[in-house]
Amino acid sequence: MKEETRNYVKLLAMASTMGISMVLALVIAIVIGYYLDKWFQTSPVFFLIFMVLGIVAGFRNIYVIMKRTEKDIK
């Protein structure tokens, strides 16, 4: 496989990993918040808290992936 093609495949894998990481962090956090709201009967409180935490976790995951990729390039 050519070096240029290998680099494109690595970039595609990194982009898909970032997307999956962001979505999974958000979905898991929202599900936890939803069920906590259902359990404690507090309508949107835990849902909103965990949604924000999921967004923060997703961006943190993207940051970690970018740093790892930057380290691999050097």
N, C-alpha and C. Protein backbone atom coordinates (compact mmCIF):
# COMPACT_ATOMS: atom_id res chain seq x y z
N MET A 1 0.85 -1.17 0.00
CA MET A 1 0.00 0.00 0.00
C MET A 1 0.90 1.24 0.00
N LYS A 2 0.51 2.22 -0.79
CA LYS A 2 1.29 3.45 -0.88
C LYS A 2 1.20 4.23 0.43
N GLU A 3 2.25 4.99 0.69
CA GLU A 3 2.30 5.79 1.93
C GLU A 3 1.17 6.82 1.96
N GLU A 4 0.87 7.42 0.82
CA GLU A 4 -0.19 8.42 0.74
C GLU A 4 -1.55 7.79 1.06
N THR A 5 -1.79 6.62 0.52
CA THR A 5 -3.05 5.91 0.79
C THR A 5 -3.14 5.53 2.26
N ARG A 6 -2.04 5.10 2.84
CA ARG A 6 -2.00 4.73 4.24
C ARG A 6 -2.34 5.94 5.12
N ASN A 7 -1.83 7.11 4.76
CA ASN A 7 -2.13 8.32 5.52
C ASN A 7 -3.61 8.69 5.43
N TYR A 8 -4.20 8.53 4.24
CA TYR A 8 -5.64 8.80 4.09
C TYR A 8 -6.47 7.85 4.94
N VAL A 9 -6.09 6.61 4.97
CA VAL A 9 -6.82 5.62 5.78
C VAL A 9 -6.71 5.96 7.27
N LYS A 10 -5.53 6.39 7.71
CA LYS A 10 -5.35 6.78 9.11
C LYS A 10 -6.21 8.00 9.45
N LEU A 11 -6.26 8.98 8.55
CA LEU A 11 -7.10 10.15 8.80
C LEU A 11 -8.58 9.80 8.84
N LEU A 12 -9.00 8.91 7.96
CA LEU A 12 -10.39 8.47 7.95
C LEU A 12 -10.73 7.72 9.24
N ALA A 13 -9.83 6.87 9.70
CA ALA A 13 -10.04 6.14 10.94
C ALA A 13 -10.12 7.09 12.12
N MET A 14 -9.25 8.12 12.14
CA MET A 14 -9.26 9.09 13.22
C MET A 14 -10.58 9.86 13.23
N ALA A 15 -11.04 10.28 12.07
CA ALA A 15 -12.29 11.05 11.99
C ALA A 15 -13.48 10.20 12.44
N SER A 16 -13.53 8.96 12.03
CA SER A 16 -14.64 8.12 12.44
C SER A 16 -14.57 7.81 13.93
N THR A 17 -13.38 7.65 14.47
CA THR A 17 -13.22 7.41 15.89
C THR A 17 -13.70 8.62 16.70
N MET A 18 -13.39 9.82 16.23
CA MET A 18 -13.83 11.02 16.93
C MET A 18 -15.36 11.11 16.92
N GLY A 19 -15.97 10.82 15.79
CA GLY A 19 -17.43 10.89 15.70
C GLY A 19 -18.12 9.88 16.59
N ILE A 20 -17.63 8.65 16.54
CA ILE A 20 -18.22 7.60 17.37
C ILE A 20 -18.02 7.91 18.85
N SER A 21 -16.86 8.41 19.20
CA SER A 21 -16.56 8.74 20.58
C SER A 21 -17.49 9.83 21.11
N MET A 22 -17.72 10.84 20.31
CA MET A 22 -18.59 11.95 20.71
C MET A 22 -20.02 11.45 20.90
N VAL A 23 -20.52 10.69 19.93
CA VAL A 23 -21.90 10.22 19.98
C VAL A 23 -22.11 9.26 21.15
N LEU A 24 -21.19 8.33 21.34
CA LEU A 24 -21.35 7.36 22.43
C LEU A 24 -21.33 8.03 23.80
N ALA A 25 -20.42 8.96 24.00
CA ALA A 25 -20.37 9.66 25.29
C ALA A 25 -21.67 10.40 25.56
N LEU A 26 -22.22 11.03 24.54
CA LEU A 26 -23.46 11.78 24.71
C LEU A 26 -24.64 10.85 24.95
N VAL A 27 -24.74 9.78 24.18
CA VAL A 27 -25.88 8.86 24.31
C VAL A 27 -25.86 8.17 25.68
N ILE A 28 -24.70 7.70 26.09
CA ILE A 28 -24.61 7.03 27.40
C ILE A 28 -25.00 7.98 28.52
N ALA A 29 -24.51 9.21 28.47
CA ALA A 29 -24.83 10.18 29.51
C ALA A 29 -26.32 10.53 29.52
N ILE A 30 -26.91 10.68 28.35
CA ILE A 30 -28.34 11.01 28.27
C ILE A 30 -29.19 9.86 28.81
N VAL A 31 -28.83 8.64 28.48
CA VAL A 31 -29.59 7.48 28.98
C VAL A 31 -29.50 7.40 30.51
N ILE A 32 -28.31 7.61 31.05
CA ILE A 32 -28.16 7.60 32.51
C ILE A 32 -29.02 8.70 33.14
N GLY A 33 -28.96 9.90 32.57
CA GLY A 33 -29.76 11.00 33.10
C GLY A 33 -31.25 10.75 33.01
N TYR A 34 -31.68 10.15 31.91
CA TYR A 34 -33.10 9.84 31.72
C TYR A 34 -33.59 8.86 32.77
N TYR A 35 -32.83 7.79 32.99
CA TYR A 35 -33.26 6.79 33.96
C TYR A 35 -33.16 7.28 35.40
N LEU A 36 -32.20 8.13 35.70
CA LEU A 36 -32.15 8.74 37.03
C LEU A 36 -33.35 9.64 37.26
N ASP A 37 -33.74 10.40 36.23
CA ASP A 37 -34.94 11.23 36.34
C ASP A 37 -36.18 10.38 36.55
N LYS A 38 -36.24 9.26 35.86
CA LYS A 38 -37.38 8.37 36.02
C LYS A 38 -37.41 7.77 37.43
N TRP A 39 -36.24 7.39 37.93
CA TRP A 39 -36.15 6.75 39.24
C TRP A 39 -36.48 7.73 40.37
N PHE A 40 -35.89 8.94 40.31
CA PHE A 40 -36.12 9.93 41.37
C PHE A 40 -37.31 10.84 41.09
N GLN A 41 -37.96 10.69 39.95
CA GLN A 41 -39.12 11.49 39.54
C GLN A 41 -38.81 12.99 39.55
N THR A 42 -37.66 13.32 39.00
CA THR A 42 -37.27 14.72 38.81
C THR A 42 -37.12 14.92 37.31
N SER A 43 -38.10 15.56 36.72
CA SER A 43 -38.23 15.52 35.26
C SER A 43 -36.96 15.83 34.48
N PRO A 44 -36.56 17.06 34.25
CA PRO A 44 -35.42 17.20 33.35
C PRO A 44 -34.08 17.45 34.06
N VAL A 45 -34.03 17.35 35.36
CA VAL A 45 -32.84 17.77 36.10
C VAL A 45 -31.63 16.91 35.75
N PHE A 46 -31.71 15.61 36.03
CA PHE A 46 -30.58 14.74 35.76
C PHE A 46 -30.31 14.61 34.26
N PHE A 47 -31.37 14.65 33.47
CA PHE A 47 -31.21 14.58 32.02
C PHE A 47 -30.32 15.72 31.53
N LEU A 48 -30.60 16.92 31.97
CA LEU A 48 -29.81 18.08 31.53
C LEU A 48 -28.39 18.05 32.08
N ILE A 49 -28.25 17.66 33.35
CA ILE A 49 -26.92 17.58 33.95
C ILE A 49 -26.06 16.57 33.21
N PHE A 50 -26.61 15.39 32.97
CA PHE A 50 -25.83 14.36 32.30
C PHE A 50 -25.63 14.65 30.81
N MET A 51 -26.55 15.41 30.20
CA MET A 51 -26.35 15.81 28.82
C MET A 51 -25.13 16.73 28.71
N VAL A 52 -25.02 17.68 29.62
CA VAL A 52 -23.86 18.57 29.62
C VAL A 52 -22.58 17.78 29.90
N LEU A 53 -22.64 16.85 30.86
CA LEU A 53 -21.48 16.02 31.15
C LEU A 53 -21.10 15.15 29.95
N GLY A 54 -22.08 14.66 29.21
CA GLY A 54 -21.81 13.87 28.01
C GLY A 54 -21.14 14.69 26.93
N ILE A 55 -21.58 15.94 26.77
CA ILE A 55 -20.95 16.82 25.79
C ILE A 55 -19.51 17.11 26.17
N VAL A 56 -19.29 17.38 27.45
CA VAL A 56 -17.93 17.64 27.93
C VAL A 56 -17.05 16.40 27.74
N ALA A 57 -17.59 15.23 28.07
CA ALA A 57 -16.82 13.99 27.90
C ALA A 57 -16.51 13.73 26.43
N GLY A 58 -17.45 14.02 25.55
CA GLY A 58 -17.22 13.84 24.12
C GLY A 58 -16.11 14.73 23.61
N PHE A 59 -16.12 15.99 24.01
CA PHE A 59 -15.06 16.90 23.57
C PHE A 59 -13.71 16.53 24.19
N ARG A 60 -13.74 16.02 25.41
CA ARG A 60 -12.50 15.56 26.02
C ARG A 60 -11.93 14.37 25.24
N ASN A 61 -12.80 13.47 24.84
CA ASN A 61 -12.36 12.32 24.04
C ASN A 61 -11.75 12.77 22.72
N ILE A 62 -12.36 13.75 22.09
CA ILE A 62 -11.82 14.28 20.83
C ILE A 62 -10.45 14.90 21.07
N TYR A 63 -10.32 15.63 22.18
CA TYR A 63 -9.03 16.25 22.52
C TYR A 63 -7.95 15.18 22.71
N VAL A 64 -8.29 14.11 23.42
CA VAL A 64 -7.33 13.04 23.67
C VAL A 64 -6.93 12.36 22.36
N ILE A 65 -7.90 12.13 21.48
CA ILE A 65 -7.60 11.50 20.18
C ILE A 65 -6.70 12.41 19.35
N MET A 66 -6.98 13.71 19.36
CA MET A 66 -6.15 14.64 18.60
C MET A 66 -4.72 14.69 19.13
N LYS A 67 -4.57 14.69 20.44
CA LYS A 67 -3.23 14.70 21.04
C LYS A 67 -2.48 13.41 20.69
N ARG A 68 -3.17 12.28 20.73
CA ARG A 68 -2.54 11.01 20.39
C ARG A 68 -2.11 11.00 18.93
N THR A 69 -2.94 11.54 18.06
CA THR A 69 -2.62 11.60 16.63
C THR A 69 -1.45 12.55 16.39
N GLU A 70 -1.46 13.67 17.08
CA GLU A 70 -0.35 14.63 16.96
C GLU A 70 0.97 13.99 17.40
N LYS A 71 0.91 13.22 18.46
CA LYS A 71 2.11 12.53 18.97
C LYS A 71 2.58 11.48 17.95
N ASP A 72 1.64 10.77 17.31
CA ASP A 72 2.02 9.76 16.31
C ASP A 72 2.65 10.38 15.07
N ILE A 73 2.20 11.58 14.70
CA ILE A 73 2.73 12.24 13.52
C ILE A 73 4.17 12.66 13.76
N LYS A 74 4.48 13.11 14.97
CA LYS A 74 5.85 13.55 15.26
C LYS A 74 6.69 12.35 15.48
